[in-house]
Amino acid sequence: MSAPRVIRARGLVEGTVSGPALVAQEPVSFLGDVAITTGEIVGELPSVKGRRLGGTVLVFPGSMGSAGAWRFLYQLYKHNTHPIALVARVLPDPSVVQGAILAKIPVVCEADEDVLKTIENGDVVTVDGKAGTITVRGRN
């Protein structure tokens, strides 16, 4: 495993979790791109289609969606198929942030580095939403 690297970001939702990164190169809509009961990416997102969100740190450009996106993120949580943290390149939709608050999913965004280029699938990532940090440890 490589030496840990800490990336500064803007913390939006408090909490600290660690898990494997799932890196989507496309914006994600929790309404339509994700199957709620399984957490599988079913939308046309070539970089992650067929992968499951459950237990991952979702690293993505940002969210797309409607004012109801919070319900879908919260339902993922209720089905235990949710990402354990969200790392967005840009500020996510307010509805996604609301869902993350309800589901207690830490969220950071606007990092000092381009997270889509510096974090790879499978890297062990710790997100601290209060401190606004992303610690990348590389793969196990």
Protein backbone atom coordinates (compact mmCIF):
# COMPACT_ATOMS: atom_id res chain seq x y z
CA MET A 1 0.00 0.00 0.00
CA SER A 2 1.32 3.47 -0.85
CA ALA A 3 1.92 6.29 1.65
CA PRO A 4 -1.28 8.15 2.59
CA ARG A 5 -2.01 11.41 0.77
CA VAL A 6 -4.33 14.02 2.27
CA ILE A 7 -6.38 16.18 -0.07
CA ARG A 8 -8.14 19.29 1.26
CA ALA A 9 -11.77 19.76 0.24
CA ARG A 10 -14.92 21.59 1.24
CA GLY A 11 -16.80 19.60 3.88
CA LEU A 12 -20.58 19.59 3.44
CA VAL A 13 -21.91 16.74 5.58
CA GLU A 14 -20.10 15.68 8.76
CA GLY A 15 -18.90 12.17 9.44
CA THR A 16 -15.78 10.09 8.95
CA VAL A 17 -15.71 6.82 7.03
CA SER A 18 -13.20 4.68 5.11
CA GLY A 19 -13.75 2.38 2.19
CA PRO A 20 -12.84 1.51 -1.38
CA ALA A 21 -13.26 4.19 -4.02
CA LEU A 22 -15.71 3.81 -6.88
CA VAL A 23 -14.81 6.48 -9.44
CA ALA A 24 -17.50 7.60 -11.90
CA GLN A 25 -16.25 9.82 -14.70
CA GLU A 26 -19.82 10.94 -15.45
CA PRO A 27 -22.27 12.94 -13.30
CA VAL A 28 -24.60 10.65 -11.35
CA SER A 29 -28.34 10.94 -10.91
CA PHE A 30 -29.59 8.96 -7.93
CA LEU A 31 -32.98 9.14 -9.65
CA GLY A 32 -32.66 6.73 -12.56
CA ASP A 33 -28.96 5.82 -12.65
CA VAL A 34 -29.07 3.61 -9.56
CA ALA A 35 -31.25 0.60 -8.67
CA ILE A 36 -32.40 1.32 -5.12
CA THR A 37 -32.70 -2.23 -3.78
CA THR A 38 -29.32 -3.41 -5.11
CA GLY A 39 -27.28 -0.20 -5.40
CA GLU A 40 -26.28 -1.23 -8.93
CA ILE A 41 -25.48 1.50 -11.45
CA VAL A 42 -28.02 0.89 -14.21
CA GLY A 43 -27.84 4.23 -16.04
CA GLU A 44 -25.71 4.97 -19.07
CA LEU A 45 -22.54 5.71 -17.11
CA PRO A 46 -19.87 3.73 -18.98
CA SER A 47 -17.17 4.11 -16.31
CA VAL A 48 -19.27 2.42 -13.59
CA LYS A 49 -22.23 0.70 -15.26
CA GLY A 50 -22.99 -2.61 -13.54
CA ARG A 51 -20.94 -1.73 -10.44
CA ARG A 52 -22.56 -1.51 -7.00
CA LEU A 53 -22.46 1.55 -4.74
CA GLY A 54 -22.92 -0.25 -1.43
CA GLY A 55 -19.97 0.24 0.92
CA THR A 56 -18.00 2.43 -1.49
CA VAL A 57 -16.79 5.99 -1.43
CA LEU A 58 -18.38 7.38 -4.58
CA VAL A 59 -16.02 9.78 -6.34
CA PHE A 60 -17.83 11.63 -9.13
CA PRO A 61 -17.94 14.93 -11.03
CA GLY A 62 -21.24 15.99 -9.50
CA SER A 63 -24.87 15.11 -9.33
CA MET A 64 -27.68 15.48 -11.80
CA GLY A 65 -31.20 15.23 -10.72
CA SER A 66 -34.37 16.60 -9.43
CA ALA A 67 -35.57 18.05 -6.18
CA GLY A 68 -36.55 14.51 -5.20
CA ALA A 69 -33.03 13.05 -5.41
CA TRP A 70 -32.79 13.09 -1.61
CA ARG A 71 -35.47 10.38 -1.41
CA PHE A 72 -33.49 8.02 -3.60
CA LEU A 73 -30.23 8.50 -1.71
CA TYR A 74 -32.09 7.99 1.56
CA GLN A 75 -33.79 4.84 0.18
CA LEU A 76 -30.36 3.46 -0.78
CA TYR A 77 -29.42 3.97 2.87
CA LYS A 78 -32.59 2.21 4.10
CA HIS A 79 -31.78 -0.77 1.82
CA ASN A 80 -28.12 -0.73 2.93
CA THR A 81 -27.04 -0.31 -0.70
CA HIS A 82 -25.73 3.26 -0.31
CA PRO A 83 -22.27 4.70 -0.84
CA ILE A 84 -20.65 5.33 2.54
CA ALA A 85 -19.38 8.75 1.41
CA LEU A 86 -19.61 11.12 -1.54
CA VAL A 87 -16.61 12.95 -3.01
CA ALA A 88 -17.80 15.35 -5.70
CA ARG A 89 -15.65 17.50 -7.95
CA VAL A 90 -18.23 20.31 -7.75
CA LEU A 91 -20.97 21.24 -5.31
CA PRO A 92 -23.66 18.54 -5.51
CA ASP A 93 -27.35 19.29 -5.95
CA PRO A 94 -28.92 20.59 -2.70
CA SER A 95 -31.32 17.65 -2.79
CA VAL A 96 -28.40 15.18 -2.80
CA VAL A 97 -26.85 16.98 0.16
CA GLN A 98 -30.20 16.81 1.97
CA GLY A 99 -30.39 13.05 1.35
CA ALA A 100 -26.83 12.62 2.59
CA ILE A 101 -27.66 14.50 5.79
CA LEU A 102 -30.67 12.25 6.42
CA ALA A 103 -28.68 9.11 5.65
CA LYS A 104 -25.60 10.31 7.58
CA ILE A 105 -23.38 9.99 4.50
CA PRO A 106 -20.32 12.29 4.69
CA VAL A 107 -19.93 14.60 1.69
CA VAL A 108 -16.98 16.67 0.51
CA CYS A 109 -16.50 18.61 -2.72
CA GLU A 110 -14.33 21.18 -4.48
CA ALA A 111 -11.05 19.49 -3.56
CA ASP A 112 -7.65 21.10 -4.05
CA GLU A 113 -6.85 18.34 -6.59
CA ASP A 114 -8.89 16.83 -9.40
CA VAL A 115 -10.22 13.80 -7.54
CA LEU A 116 -11.24 12.12 -10.80
CA LYS A 117 -7.58 12.00 -11.81
CA THR A 118 -5.90 11.35 -8.45
CA ILE A 119 -8.20 8.71 -6.95
CA GLU A 120 -8.52 5.33 -8.64
CA ASN A 121 -11.08 2.55 -8.30
CA GLY A 122 -10.22 0.43 -5.30
CA ASP A 123 -8.07 3.02 -3.53
CA VAL A 124 -8.80 3.01 0.20
CA VAL A 125 -10.22 6.44 0.90
CA THR A 126 -11.09 8.09 4.22
CA VAL A 127 -13.51 11.00 4.02
CA ASP A 128 -13.83 13.42 6.93
CA GLY A 129 -16.78 15.67 6.19
CA LYS A 130 -16.21 17.90 9.19
CA ALA A 131 -12.51 18.54 8.57
CA GLY A 132 -12.98 18.61 4.80
CA THR A 133 -10.29 16.04 4.06
CA ILE A 134 -9.88 13.07 1.77
CA THR A 135 -7.10 10.66 2.73
CA VAL A 136 -6.07 8.31 -0.06
CA ARG A 137 -4.11 5.22 0.93
CA GLY A 138 -3.95 3.39 -2.38
CA ARG A 139 -5.16 -0.15 -2.88
CA ASN A 140 -4.87 -2.88 -0.28
